[in-house]
Amino acid sequence: MVLDIIAAAVLISFGVFAIIFSVDSGADDPKLLFILFIGAVFIFAGGWIIISKITWEFIIRKIAGLLLGALGIFLVVGFPDVAPDYQRAAMSKTGVFFGLIFLIIGIYLLLF
């Protein structure tokens, strides 16, 4: 499974680089359309390998980990900065508390 993911990563990166370098070459190049098509095929093939080898539960768990981690970081860092006339001081402590909970759960879902 690891070699399949590595092969998919190589295909996707080759496709992205082919598209980036072909666009930089200019629009008057006659091989531009062919290289863009080959790059898109490589990206599609690499994505297909990744999607077919990885279960949906794994993908959903990682996305949930990212979302919970982002919410946790916001609550820890951004929520206490809200103007004091908008909320009480104890609410910022509660926000940091729940933010740490969400951050820990998000990191756990991302790593395991």
N, C-alpha and C. Protein backbone atom coordinates (compact mmCIF):
# COMPACT_ATOMS: atom_id res chain seq x y z
N MET A 1 0.82 -1.19 0.00
CA MET A 1 0.00 0.00 0.00
C MET A 1 0.86 1.25 0.00
N VAL A 2 1.99 1.20 0.70
CA VAL A 2 2.86 2.38 0.77
C VAL A 2 3.45 2.69 -0.60
N LEU A 3 3.85 1.66 -1.33
CA LEU A 3 4.41 1.89 -2.66
C LEU A 3 3.37 2.45 -3.62
N ASP A 4 2.12 2.05 -3.46
CA ASP A 4 1.05 2.60 -4.29
C ASP A 4 0.86 4.09 -4.02
N ILE A 5 0.91 4.47 -2.76
CA ILE A 5 0.76 5.89 -2.41
C ILE A 5 1.94 6.69 -2.92
N ILE A 6 3.15 6.12 -2.83
CA ILE A 6 4.33 6.81 -3.35
C ILE A 6 4.22 6.98 -4.86
N ALA A 7 3.79 5.93 -5.55
CA ALA A 7 3.61 6.03 -7.00
C ALA A 7 2.55 7.07 -7.36
N ALA A 8 1.48 7.12 -6.60
CA ALA A 8 0.44 8.12 -6.84
C ALA A 8 0.97 9.53 -6.60
N ALA A 9 1.77 9.70 -5.55
CA ALA A 9 2.35 11.01 -5.28
C ALA A 9 3.29 11.45 -6.40
N VAL A 10 4.06 10.51 -6.93
CA VAL A 10 4.95 10.83 -8.05
C VAL A 10 4.15 11.21 -9.28
N LEU A 11 3.08 10.48 -9.57
CA LEU A 11 2.24 10.80 -10.72
C LEU A 11 1.60 12.19 -10.58
N ILE A 12 1.06 12.48 -9.41
CA ILE A 12 0.41 13.77 -9.20
C ILE A 12 1.43 14.91 -9.29
N SER A 13 2.59 14.73 -8.66
CA SER A 13 3.59 15.80 -8.71
C SER A 13 4.13 15.99 -10.12
N PHE A 14 4.32 14.91 -10.87
CA PHE A 14 4.77 15.04 -12.25
C PHE A 14 3.72 15.76 -13.09
N GLY A 15 2.46 15.44 -12.88
CA GLY A 15 1.39 16.11 -13.62
C GLY A 15 1.31 17.60 -13.30
N VAL A 16 1.45 17.94 -12.01
CA VAL A 16 1.41 19.36 -11.62
C VAL A 16 2.59 20.11 -12.21
N PHE A 17 3.79 19.52 -12.13
CA PHE A 17 4.96 20.17 -12.69
C PHE A 17 4.87 20.29 -14.21
N ALA A 18 4.32 19.29 -14.88
CA ALA A 18 4.16 19.38 -16.32
C ALA A 18 3.23 20.53 -16.69
N ILE A 19 2.16 20.69 -15.95
CA ILE A 19 1.23 21.79 -16.24
C ILE A 19 1.87 23.13 -15.93
N ILE A 20 2.55 23.25 -14.79
CA ILE A 20 3.17 24.52 -14.42
C ILE A 20 4.25 24.92 -15.42
N PHE A 21 5.12 24.00 -15.78
CA PHE A 21 6.21 24.33 -16.70
C PHE A 21 5.71 24.55 -18.12
N SER A 22 4.64 23.88 -18.52
CA SER A 22 4.12 24.10 -19.86
C SER A 22 3.42 25.45 -19.97
N VAL A 23 2.78 25.89 -18.92
CA VAL A 23 2.13 27.20 -18.94
C VAL A 23 3.19 28.30 -18.96
N ASP A 24 4.31 28.08 -18.29
CA ASP A 24 5.39 29.06 -18.30
C ASP A 24 6.07 29.17 -19.66
N SER A 25 5.95 28.14 -20.49
CA SER A 25 6.65 28.15 -21.78
C SER A 25 6.01 29.11 -22.78
N GLY A 26 4.75 29.38 -22.64
CA GLY A 26 4.09 30.32 -23.54
C GLY A 26 2.96 29.66 -24.31
N ALA A 27 2.05 30.49 -24.80
CA ALA A 27 0.85 29.98 -25.47
C ALA A 27 1.11 29.62 -26.92
N ASP A 28 2.22 30.06 -27.50
CA ASP A 28 2.48 29.79 -28.91
C ASP A 28 3.18 28.45 -29.15
N ASP A 29 3.47 27.72 -28.10
CA ASP A 29 4.13 26.42 -28.23
C ASP A 29 3.13 25.40 -28.79
N PRO A 30 3.47 24.69 -29.87
CA PRO A 30 2.51 23.74 -30.46
C PRO A 30 2.27 22.50 -29.60
N LYS A 31 3.18 22.18 -28.71
CA LYS A 31 3.02 20.99 -27.87
C LYS A 31 2.33 21.29 -26.54
N LEU A 32 1.88 22.53 -26.36
CA LEU A 32 1.30 22.95 -25.09
C LEU A 32 0.04 22.15 -24.74
N LEU A 33 -0.85 21.99 -25.68
CA LEU A 33 -2.10 21.27 -25.42
C LEU A 33 -1.84 19.80 -25.08
N PHE A 34 -0.89 19.19 -25.77
CA PHE A 34 -0.55 17.80 -25.49
C PHE A 34 0.04 17.64 -24.09
N ILE A 35 0.93 18.53 -23.70
CA ILE A 35 1.55 18.45 -22.37
C ILE A 35 0.52 18.73 -21.28
N LEU A 36 -0.38 19.67 -21.51
CA LEU A 36 -1.45 19.93 -20.54
C LEU A 36 -2.34 18.71 -20.38
N PHE A 37 -2.65 18.04 -21.47
CA PHE A 37 -3.48 16.83 -21.42
C PHE A 37 -2.76 15.72 -20.67
N ILE A 38 -1.48 15.51 -20.95
CA ILE A 38 -0.71 14.47 -20.27
C ILE A 38 -0.61 14.78 -18.77
N GLY A 39 -0.41 16.04 -18.42
CA GLY A 39 -0.37 16.43 -17.00
C GLY A 39 -1.68 16.15 -16.30
N ALA A 40 -2.79 16.46 -16.97
CA ALA A 40 -4.11 16.20 -16.37
C ALA A 40 -4.35 14.70 -16.22
N VAL A 41 -3.90 13.91 -17.18
CA VAL A 41 -4.06 12.45 -17.09
C VAL A 41 -3.25 11.91 -15.92
N PHE A 42 -2.02 12.40 -15.74
CA PHE A 42 -1.20 11.94 -14.61
C PHE A 42 -1.82 12.32 -13.27
N ILE A 43 -2.36 13.53 -13.17
CA ILE A 43 -3.01 13.95 -11.93
C ILE A 43 -4.24 13.08 -11.65
N PHE A 44 -5.03 12.82 -12.68
CA PHE A 44 -6.21 11.97 -12.51
C PHE A 44 -5.82 10.55 -12.12
N ALA A 45 -4.78 10.00 -12.76
CA ALA A 45 -4.35 8.63 -12.44
C ALA A 45 -3.83 8.54 -11.01
N GLY A 46 -3.04 9.52 -10.58
CA GLY A 46 -2.54 9.51 -9.20
C GLY A 46 -3.66 9.66 -8.19
N GLY A 47 -4.61 10.54 -8.48
CA GLY A 47 -5.76 10.69 -7.59
C GLY A 47 -6.60 9.43 -7.52
N TRP A 48 -6.74 8.76 -8.65
CA TRP A 48 -7.51 7.51 -8.68
C TRP A 48 -6.83 6.44 -7.84
N ILE A 49 -5.52 6.35 -7.91
CA ILE A 49 -4.79 5.37 -7.10
C ILE A 49 -4.98 5.66 -5.61
N ILE A 50 -4.87 6.92 -5.24
CA ILE A 50 -5.02 7.28 -3.82
C ILE A 50 -6.45 6.99 -3.34
N ILE A 51 -7.43 7.39 -4.13
CA ILE A 51 -8.82 7.19 -3.70
C ILE A 51 -9.18 5.71 -3.66
N SER A 52 -8.64 4.92 -4.58
CA SER A 52 -8.98 3.50 -4.58
C SER A 52 -8.27 2.72 -3.48
N LYS A 53 -7.14 3.19 -2.99
CA LYS A 53 -6.38 2.46 -1.97
C LYS A 53 -6.73 2.89 -0.55
N ILE A 54 -7.19 4.11 -0.38
CA ILE A 54 -7.49 4.62 0.96
C ILE A 54 -8.99 4.53 1.19
N THR A 55 -9.39 4.07 2.36
CA THR A 55 -10.81 3.95 2.66
C THR A 55 -11.41 5.32 2.96
N TRP A 56 -12.72 5.41 2.77
CA TRP A 56 -13.41 6.68 3.03
C TRP A 56 -13.40 7.03 4.51
N GLU A 57 -13.42 6.01 5.37
CA GLU A 57 -13.37 6.27 6.81
C GLU A 57 -12.08 6.99 7.18
N PHE A 58 -10.98 6.58 6.58
CA PHE A 58 -9.69 7.22 6.84
C PHE A 58 -9.70 8.68 6.39
N ILE A 59 -10.24 8.93 5.20
CA ILE A 59 -10.28 10.29 4.67
C ILE A 59 -11.19 11.18 5.52
N ILE A 60 -12.36 10.68 5.88
CA ILE A 60 -13.29 11.46 6.70
C ILE A 60 -12.69 11.75 8.07
N ARG A 61 -11.98 10.77 8.64
CA ARG A 61 -11.37 10.97 9.95
C ARG A 61 -10.29 12.05 9.88
N LYS A 62 -9.50 12.09 8.82
CA LYS A 62 -8.46 13.10 8.68
C LYS A 62 -9.06 14.49 8.44
N ILE A 63 -10.12 14.56 7.67
CA ILE A 63 -10.78 15.85 7.45
C ILE A 63 -11.40 16.36 8.74
N ALA A 64 -12.02 15.46 9.50
CA ALA A 64 -12.58 15.86 10.80
C ALA A 64 -11.48 16.32 11.74
N GLY A 65 -10.33 15.66 11.71
CA GLY A 65 -9.21 16.08 12.53
C GLY A 65 -8.71 17.46 12.15
N LEU A 66 -8.64 17.75 10.85
CA LEU A 66 -8.24 19.08 10.41
C LEU A 66 -9.23 20.15 10.85
N LEU A 67 -10.52 19.86 10.69
CA LEU A 67 -11.54 20.85 11.08
C LEU A 67 -11.56 21.08 12.59
N LEU A 68 -11.50 20.00 13.37
CA LEU A 68 -11.49 20.17 14.82
C LEU A 68 -10.22 20.85 15.30
N GLY A 69 -9.09 20.54 14.67
CA GLY A 69 -7.84 21.21 15.03
C GLY A 69 -7.89 22.70 14.71
N ALA A 70 -8.44 23.05 13.55
CA ALA A 70 -8.56 24.46 13.19
C ALA A 70 -9.51 25.20 14.13
N LEU A 71 -10.63 24.56 14.48
CA LEU A 71 -11.56 25.17 15.43
C LEU A 71 -10.89 25.34 16.79
N GLY A 72 -10.13 24.34 17.21
CA GLY A 72 -9.43 24.42 18.49
C GLY A 72 -8.40 25.54 18.51
N ILE A 73 -7.64 25.67 17.42
CA ILE A 73 -6.65 26.75 17.35
C ILE A 73 -7.34 28.11 17.37
N PHE A 74 -8.46 28.23 16.66
CA PHE A 74 -9.19 29.49 16.70
C PHE A 74 -9.68 29.81 18.10
N LEU A 75 -10.24 28.83 18.78
CA LEU A 75 -10.76 29.10 20.12
C LEU A 75 -9.65 29.40 21.11
N VAL A 76 -8.49 28.80 20.95
CA VAL A 76 -7.39 29.06 21.87
C VAL A 76 -6.74 30.41 21.58
N VAL A 77 -6.54 30.73 20.31
CA VAL A 77 -5.79 31.93 19.95
C VAL A 77 -6.69 33.11 19.64
N GLY A 78 -7.73 32.91 18.85
CA GLY A 78 -8.52 34.03 18.36
C GLY A 78 -9.70 34.42 19.21
N PHE A 79 -10.30 33.49 19.89
CA PHE A 79 -11.53 33.77 20.64
C PHE A 79 -11.31 34.71 21.83
N PRO A 80 -10.21 34.59 22.60
CA PRO A 80 -10.05 35.51 23.73
C PRO A 80 -9.81 36.96 23.33
N ASP A 81 -9.50 37.23 22.05
CA ASP A 81 -9.23 38.59 21.62
C ASP A 81 -10.48 39.38 21.29
N VAL A 82 -11.65 38.78 21.43
CA VAL A 82 -12.89 39.49 21.15
C VAL A 82 -13.04 40.61 22.18
N ALA A 83 -13.59 41.73 21.75
CA ALA A 83 -13.69 42.92 22.61
C ALA A 83 -14.37 42.60 23.94
N PRO A 84 -13.87 43.16 25.03
CA PRO A 84 -14.42 42.84 26.35
C PRO A 84 -15.87 43.29 26.54
N ASP A 85 -16.33 44.28 25.79
CA ASP A 85 -17.72 44.69 25.95
C ASP A 85 -18.66 43.74 25.22
N TYR A 86 -18.12 42.85 24.40
CA TYR A 86 -18.95 41.89 23.68
C TYR A 86 -19.24 40.66 24.52
N GLN A 87 -18.29 40.25 25.35
CA GLN A 87 -18.46 39.05 26.17
C GLN A 87 -17.80 39.25 27.53
N ARG A 88 -18.15 38.40 28.46
CA ARG A 88 -17.54 38.45 29.78
C ARG A 88 -16.18 37.79 29.75
N ALA A 89 -15.36 38.08 30.75
CA ALA A 89 -14.01 37.52 30.80
C ALA A 89 -14.02 36.01 30.99
N ALA A 90 -15.02 35.51 31.70
CA ALA A 90 -15.09 34.06 31.93
C ALA A 90 -15.39 33.30 30.64
N MET A 91 -16.04 33.96 29.69
CA MET A 91 -16.33 33.29 28.42
C MET A 91 -15.06 33.03 27.63
N SER A 92 -14.07 33.92 27.71
CA SER A 92 -12.82 33.66 27.00
C SER A 92 -12.09 32.46 27.61
N LYS A 93 -12.18 32.30 28.93
CA LYS A 93 -11.57 31.13 29.57
C LYS A 93 -12.29 29.86 29.15
N THR A 94 -13.60 29.93 29.04
CA THR A 94 -14.37 28.78 28.57
C THR A 94 -14.03 28.45 27.12
N GLY A 95 -13.86 29.48 26.31
CA GLY A 95 -13.48 29.27 24.91
C GLY A 95 -12.12 28.61 24.78
N VAL A 96 -11.17 29.03 25.60
CA VAL A 96 -9.84 28.41 25.59
C VAL A 96 -9.94 26.96 26.05
N PHE A 97 -10.76 26.70 27.06
CA PHE A 97 -10.93 25.34 27.56
C PHE A 97 -11.48 24.41 26.48
N PHE A 98 -12.58 24.83 25.83
CA PHE A 98 -13.15 24.02 24.76
C PHE A 98 -12.21 23.96 23.55
N GLY A 99 -11.47 25.04 23.31
CA GLY A 99 -10.50 25.03 22.22
C GLY A 99 -9.41 24.00 22.42
N LEU A 100 -8.93 23.88 23.65
CA LEU A 100 -7.92 22.85 23.93
C LEU A 100 -8.49 21.45 23.75
N ILE A 101 -9.74 21.26 24.15
CA ILE A 101 -10.37 19.95 23.96
C ILE A 101 -10.47 19.62 22.47
N PHE A 102 -10.97 20.57 21.67
CA PHE A 102 -11.09 20.34 20.23
C PHE A 102 -9.72 20.15 19.58
N LEU A 103 -8.72 20.90 20.02
CA LEU A 103 -7.38 20.78 19.46
C LEU A 103 -6.78 19.41 19.74
N ILE A 104 -6.94 18.92 20.95
CA ILE A 104 -6.39 17.60 21.31
C ILE A 104 -7.10 16.50 20.52
N ILE A 105 -8.43 16.59 20.41
CA ILE A 105 -9.17 15.58 19.63
C ILE A 105 -8.77 15.65 18.15
N GLY A 106 -8.61 16.86 17.62
CA GLY A 106 -8.21 17.02 16.22
C GLY A 106 -6.83 16.46 15.95
N ILE A 107 -5.88 16.70 16.85
CA ILE A 107 -4.53 16.16 16.68
C ILE A 107 -4.56 14.64 16.76
N TYR A 108 -5.35 14.11 17.68
CA TYR A 108 -5.47 12.65 17.79
C TYR A 108 -6.03 12.05 16.49
N LEU A 109 -7.07 12.67 15.94
CA LEU A 109 -7.65 12.15 14.70
C LEU A 109 -6.69 12.27 13.53
N LEU A 110 -5.87 13.32 13.52
CA LEU A 110 -4.90 13.46 12.44
C LEU A 110 -3.77 12.45 12.53
N LEU A 111 -3.31 12.18 13.73
CA LEU A 111 -2.13 11.33 13.88
C LEU A 111 -2.45 9.84 13.93
N PHE A 112 -3.61 9.47 14.45
CA PHE A 112 -3.89 8.04 14.64
C PHE A 112 -5.08 7.61 13.89
